[in-house]
Amino acid sequence: MTATLTPDPEAIRPELDGDAAPAPPGARRVRGSGATSLRLGVAMVWLSVIVLLPLAAIAWQAAGGGWQAFWLAVTSHAAVESFRVTLVISSAVTVLNLVFGLVIAWVLVRDDFVGKRLVDAIIDLPFALPTIVTSLVMLALYGKSSPVHIHLQHTPRGVAMALAFVTLPYVVRAVQPVLLALDREVEEAAAALGATGPKVFTSIVLPSLLPALLSGAGMSFSRAIGEFGSVVTIGGAVPGKTEVSSQWIRALIENDDRTGACAISIVLLSICFLVLFILRVAGGRRAKREEKAA
């Protein structure tokens, strides 16, 4: 009895396809590389139009009067005082945001209570509320006619209160997702082995939250030193007391000193960039150490 052999369709398919040869191994990678280059090009063009070109224009105008004019603008008594007020209040607000932002994030993640979703939504309110409205609210609440009898108008504490209102969400939203992703079993195991609550927090939870805390603090600080609208009415721009650098920039523009205003802006931009760069480098090194340890 003769066995009938049935040809394998997969074996004869290349012959039936004729000229349809398999694609070279690198063809798909080339197409992907081209798409990546296109996306990168579009992103860089948009970034240049929105960010880099305005920054270049400010730098160009700041350098218009020469290095001596730039130096005189940023070292004048009024400018130095505005830098001091801005940095001191912004640093204090950032420290407060670190503490209370962590507490609020912890409550929203680890605790259950009535109105939790409402509180979570209120955290984002400063992102949507115009900052000038914040200043008016602060003035109505803590001004001369304060209904709670707390008078903070034209005081550093009033400026700090306004800055804390608009910058607190940065810390909360930076910490909250990291806290959600933490493995609770590790904390429970440490507690079962006899570790106290504070010991578990400082040894296990806090190290995991530290990169997020630093990132939120950097964003909070950068926003605070450039804030203008929320401190306009509550601060009053008292020189050496409540006049922050953004208000001094407005005063220079009103006096038609655009070169000086751009020079002050360059200093603020440099401080923000330096803070964010240091935090990014520190976060990158910590991530590499964690990868090596794993």
Protein backbone atom coordinates (compact mmCIF):
# COMPACT_ATOMS: atom_id res chain seq x y z
CA MET A 1 0.00 0.00 0.00
CA THR A 2 1.47 3.29 -1.11
CA ALA A 3 1.30 6.24 1.37
CA THR A 4 0.14 9.54 -0.05
CA LEU A 5 2.38 12.47 0.92
CA THR A 6 0.64 15.79 1.47
CA PRO A 7 2.88 18.81 0.90
CA ASP A 8 3.24 21.24 3.81
CA PRO A 9 1.55 24.57 2.89
CA GLU A 10 4.08 26.48 4.98
CA ALA A 11 6.94 24.84 3.07
CA ILE A 12 5.63 25.78 -0.37
CA ARG A 13 4.32 29.25 0.56
CA PRO A 14 7.60 31.07 -0.27
CA GLU A 15 7.52 29.45 -3.72
CA LEU A 16 3.91 30.51 -4.29
CA ASP A 17 4.66 34.04 -3.17
CA GLY A 18 7.18 34.45 -5.95
CA ASP A 19 8.89 37.80 -5.50
CA ALA A 20 7.45 38.36 -1.99
CA ALA A 21 10.72 37.87 -0.12
CA PRO A 22 10.80 38.26 3.65
CA ALA A 23 11.57 41.77 4.86
CA PRO A 24 15.12 42.46 5.96
CA PRO A 25 15.59 42.26 9.72
CA GLY A 26 16.35 45.98 10.04
CA ALA A 27 13.42 47.23 7.96
CA ARG A 28 11.01 47.53 10.88
CA ARG A 29 13.63 49.19 13.04
CA VAL A 30 14.30 51.76 10.32
CA ARG A 31 10.62 52.65 10.08
CA GLY A 32 10.40 52.89 13.87
CA SER A 33 13.51 55.03 13.96
CA GLY A 34 12.03 57.38 11.38
CA ALA A 35 8.79 57.74 13.34
CA THR A 36 10.76 58.40 16.51
CA SER A 37 12.82 61.08 14.76
CA LEU A 38 9.64 62.73 13.48
CA ARG A 39 8.05 62.78 16.91
CA LEU A 40 11.25 64.10 18.46
CA GLY A 41 11.46 66.83 15.83
CA VAL A 42 7.87 67.95 16.43
CA ALA A 43 8.40 67.94 20.20
CA MET A 44 11.61 69.98 19.94
CA VAL A 45 10.03 72.53 17.57
CA TRP A 46 7.08 73.01 19.91
CA LEU A 47 9.37 73.22 22.95
CA SER A 48 11.49 75.82 21.16
CA VAL A 49 8.48 77.97 20.26
CA ILE A 50 6.87 77.80 23.69
CA VAL A 51 9.90 77.75 26.01
CA LEU A 52 13.32 78.20 24.42
CA LEU A 53 12.61 81.19 22.18
CA PRO A 54 10.97 83.27 24.95
CA LEU A 55 13.86 82.45 27.28
CA ALA A 56 16.35 83.41 24.58
CA ALA A 57 14.49 86.70 24.05
CA ILE A 58 14.66 87.50 27.77
CA ALA A 59 18.37 86.67 27.88
CA TRP A 60 19.00 88.81 24.79
CA GLN A 61 17.20 91.82 26.24
CA ALA A 62 18.89 91.36 29.62
CA ALA A 63 22.28 91.48 27.87
CA GLY A 64 21.27 94.49 25.77
CA GLY A 65 22.82 96.99 28.16
CA GLY A 66 26.01 95.00 28.63
CA TRP A 67 27.41 93.10 31.59
CA GLN A 68 27.78 96.20 33.76
CA ALA A 69 24.11 97.16 33.39
CA PHE A 70 23.08 93.58 34.13
CA TRP A 71 25.24 93.47 37.27
CA LEU A 72 23.96 96.83 38.50
CA ALA A 73 20.38 95.69 38.01
CA VAL A 74 20.73 92.45 39.97
CA THR A 75 22.90 93.90 42.75
CA SER A 76 20.94 97.06 43.46
CA HIS A 77 19.64 97.40 47.01
CA ALA A 78 16.01 96.95 45.96
CA ALA A 79 16.82 93.86 43.89
CA VAL A 80 18.87 92.23 46.64
CA GLU A 81 16.12 92.91 49.18
CA SER A 82 13.52 91.41 46.85
CA PHE A 83 15.71 88.31 46.39
CA ARG A 84 16.11 87.98 50.14
CA VAL A 85 12.37 88.27 50.82
CA THR A 86 11.55 85.87 48.00
CA LEU A 87 14.05 83.18 48.96
CA VAL A 88 13.39 83.33 52.70
CA ILE A 89 9.60 83.14 52.42
CA SER A 90 9.71 80.56 49.60
CA SER A 91 12.08 78.34 51.60
CA ALA A 92 9.87 78.53 54.69
CA VAL A 93 6.78 77.73 52.62
CA THR A 94 8.53 74.78 50.99
CA VAL A 95 9.42 73.30 54.40
CA LEU A 96 5.82 73.71 55.55
CA ASN A 97 4.59 72.09 52.34
CA LEU A 98 6.89 69.12 52.90
CA VAL A 99 5.42 68.47 56.34
CA PHE A 100 1.76 69.17 55.72
CA GLY A 101 1.81 67.85 52.15
CA LEU A 102 3.07 64.50 53.44
CA VAL A 103 0.44 64.46 56.18
CA ILE A 104 -2.38 65.24 53.74
CA ALA A 105 -1.17 62.66 51.23
CA TRP A 106 -0.94 60.06 54.00
CA VAL A 107 -4.49 60.81 55.18
CA LEU A 108 -5.89 60.62 51.64
CA VAL A 109 -4.16 57.28 50.94
CA ARG A 110 -4.17 55.42 54.25
CA ASP A 111 -7.30 56.69 56.02
CA ASP A 112 -11.00 56.39 55.20
CA PHE A 113 -13.40 59.12 56.27
CA VAL A 114 -16.55 60.86 55.16
CA GLY A 115 -15.86 63.47 52.46
CA LYS A 116 -12.55 61.95 51.38
CA ARG A 117 -13.27 62.45 47.68
CA LEU A 118 -14.26 66.05 48.30
CA VAL A 119 -11.00 66.74 50.11
CA ASP A 120 -9.07 65.04 47.32
CA ALA A 121 -10.78 67.29 44.76
CA ILE A 122 -10.15 70.44 46.81
CA ILE A 123 -6.39 69.74 46.67
CA ASP A 124 -6.46 70.54 42.95
CA LEU A 125 -8.40 73.79 43.41
CA PRO A 126 -5.29 76.04 43.41
CA PHE A 127 -4.38 74.64 39.98
CA ALA A 128 -7.66 75.88 38.50
CA LEU A 129 -8.21 79.05 40.54
CA PRO A 130 -6.73 82.28 39.09
CA THR A 131 -3.99 83.43 41.40
CA ILE A 132 -5.36 86.97 41.62
CA VAL A 133 -8.54 85.45 43.07
CA THR A 134 -6.37 83.76 45.69
CA SER A 135 -4.97 87.14 46.66
CA LEU A 136 -8.45 88.64 46.96
CA VAL A 137 -9.63 85.70 49.08
CA MET A 138 -6.62 86.05 51.36
CA LEU A 139 -7.26 89.78 51.67
CA ALA A 140 -10.92 89.21 52.57
CA LEU A 141 -10.02 86.54 55.11
CA TYR A 142 -6.87 88.01 56.66
CA GLY A 143 -7.11 91.72 55.81
CA LYS A 144 -7.99 94.66 58.00
CA SER A 145 -11.64 93.56 58.15
CA SER A 146 -10.82 89.91 58.84
CA PRO A 147 -13.89 87.94 59.96
CA VAL A 148 -11.60 85.62 61.94
CA HIS A 149 -9.69 88.55 63.49
CA ILE A 150 -6.35 87.46 62.00
CA HIS A 151 -4.63 90.40 60.32
CA LEU A 152 -1.92 89.35 57.87
CA GLN A 153 -2.16 92.10 55.26
CA HIS A 154 1.22 93.58 54.29
CA THR A 155 3.10 91.04 56.40
CA PRO A 156 5.52 88.24 55.46
CA ARG A 157 3.15 85.75 57.07
CA GLY A 158 0.39 86.88 54.72
CA VAL A 159 2.67 86.37 51.72
CA ALA A 160 3.66 82.94 53.06
CA MET A 161 -0.01 81.99 53.51
CA ALA A 162 -0.80 82.94 49.91
CA LEU A 163 2.23 81.07 48.55
CA ALA A 164 1.41 77.99 50.62
CA PHE A 165 -2.09 77.93 49.17
CA VAL A 166 -0.90 77.82 45.55
CA THR A 167 2.09 75.49 46.07
CA LEU A 168 0.85 72.84 48.51
CA PRO A 169 -0.72 70.62 45.79
CA TYR A 170 2.68 70.01 44.18
CA VAL A 171 3.91 68.06 47.20
CA VAL A 172 0.63 66.23 47.79
CA ARG A 173 0.30 65.09 44.17
CA ALA A 174 3.95 64.05 43.99
CA VAL A 175 3.77 61.89 47.14
CA GLN A 176 0.29 60.43 46.74
CA PRO A 177 0.93 57.96 43.85
CA VAL A 178 4.17 56.72 45.40
CA LEU A 179 2.41 56.14 48.71
CA LEU A 180 -0.30 54.21 46.89
CA ALA A 181 2.29 51.96 45.24
CA LEU A 182 4.14 51.08 48.44
CA ASP A 183 4.01 47.44 49.51
CA ARG A 184 2.11 47.33 52.80
CA GLU A 185 3.32 43.78 53.48
CA VAL A 186 6.86 45.06 54.12
CA GLU A 187 5.55 47.46 56.77
CA GLU A 188 3.43 44.73 58.34
CA ALA A 189 6.41 42.36 58.42
CA ALA A 190 8.56 44.99 60.12
CA ALA A 191 5.83 45.64 62.67
CA ALA A 192 5.48 41.90 63.30
CA LEU A 193 9.20 41.74 64.04
CA GLY A 194 8.80 44.36 66.76
CA ALA A 195 9.46 47.64 64.95
CA THR A 196 7.47 50.57 66.30
CA GLY A 197 5.34 52.82 64.11
CA PRO A 198 7.89 55.66 63.94
CA LYS A 199 10.67 53.14 63.23
CA VAL A 200 8.70 51.62 60.35
CA PHE A 201 8.00 55.06 58.94
CA THR A 202 11.59 56.35 59.13
CA SER A 203 13.25 53.10 58.00
CA ILE A 204 10.85 51.84 55.31
CA VAL A 205 8.28 54.41 54.25
CA LEU A 206 10.27 57.66 54.31
CA PRO A 207 13.23 56.41 52.19
CA SER A 208 10.76 55.28 49.51
CA LEU A 209 8.96 58.62 49.59
CA LEU A 210 12.09 60.77 49.63
CA PRO A 211 12.49 61.16 45.82
CA ALA A 212 8.83 62.16 45.47
CA LEU A 213 9.12 64.55 48.41
CA LEU A 214 12.17 66.22 46.89
CA SER A 215 10.50 66.47 43.50
CA GLY A 216 7.38 68.04 44.98
CA ALA A 217 9.50 70.39 47.10
CA GLY A 218 11.45 71.50 44.04
CA MET A 219 8.30 72.26 42.09
CA SER A 220 6.79 74.02 45.09
CA PHE A 221 9.88 76.18 45.62
CA SER A 222 10.18 77.04 41.92
CA ARG A 223 6.54 78.08 41.77
CA ALA A 224 6.84 80.14 44.95
CA ILE A 225 9.81 82.25 43.85
CA GLY A 226 8.04 83.18 40.62
CA GLU A 227 4.56 83.74 42.01
CA PHE A 228 2.94 87.13 41.47
CA GLY A 229 -0.85 87.14 41.37
CA SER A 230 -1.52 85.54 44.75
CA VAL A 231 0.65 88.05 46.67
CA VAL A 232 -0.39 91.28 44.94
CA THR A 233 -2.99 92.51 47.41
CA ILE A 234 -2.16 90.56 50.56
CA GLY A 235 1.54 91.45 50.39
CA GLY A 236 1.33 95.07 49.36
CA ALA A 237 4.89 95.13 47.94
CA VAL A 238 6.44 96.71 51.02
CA PRO A 239 10.18 97.08 50.17
CA GLY A 240 12.39 94.84 52.26
CA LYS A 241 9.37 93.24 53.95
CA THR A 242 6.82 91.81 51.53
CA GLU A 243 8.05 92.89 48.09
CA VAL A 244 9.00 89.69 46.26
CA SER A 245 11.10 89.69 43.10
CA SER A 246 8.13 89.31 40.77
CA GLN A 247 6.66 92.54 42.16
CA TRP A 248 10.01 94.29 41.76
CA ILE A 249 10.02 93.15 38.12
CA ARG A 250 6.62 94.78 37.64
CA ALA A 251 7.91 98.00 39.20
CA LEU A 252 10.86 98.02 36.79
CA ILE A 253 8.56 97.50 33.81
CA GLU A 254 6.30 100.32 34.95
CA ASN A 255 9.42 102.53 35.09
CA ASP A 256 10.30 101.45 31.53
CA ASP A 257 13.41 99.59 32.68
CA ARG A 258 12.92 96.43 30.62
CA THR A 259 16.60 95.55 30.71
CA GLY A 260 16.60 95.51 34.51
CA ALA A 261 13.35 93.54 34.61
CA CYS A 262 14.81 90.92 32.28
CA ALA A 263 17.97 90.76 34.37
CA ILE A 264 15.96 89.99 37.53
CA SER A 265 13.99 87.42 35.56
CA ILE A 266 17.20 85.70 34.45
CA VAL A 267 18.31 85.37 38.08
CA LEU A 268 14.99 83.81 39.09
CA LEU A 269 15.07 81.45 36.11
CA SER A 270 18.62 80.43 36.97
CA ILE A 271 17.67 79.66 40.57
CA CYS A 272 14.69 77.55 39.44
CA PHE A 273 16.77 75.67 36.89
CA LEU A 274 19.56 75.01 39.38
CA VAL A 275 17.16 73.67 42.02
CA LEU A 276 15.34 71.39 39.56
CA PHE A 277 18.61 70.20 38.01
CA ILE A 278 20.11 69.28 41.38
CA LEU A 279 16.96 67.40 42.35
CA ARG A 280 16.88 65.58 39.00
CA VAL A 281 20.53 64.51 39.34
CA ALA A 282 19.99 63.40 42.94
CA GLY A 283 16.91 61.43 41.93
CA GLY A 284 18.75 59.79 39.05
CA ARG A 285 21.64 58.70 41.26
CA ARG A 286 19.25 57.30 43.85
CA ALA A 287 17.41 55.33 41.17
CA LYS A 288 20.69 53.86 39.90
CA ARG A 289 21.68 52.83 43.44
CA GLU A 290 18.32 51.13 43.90
CA GLU A 291 18.73 49.28 40.58
CA LYS A 292 22.18 48.04 41.59
CA ALA A 293 20.91 46.97 45.00
CA ALA A 294 18.05 45.06 43.38
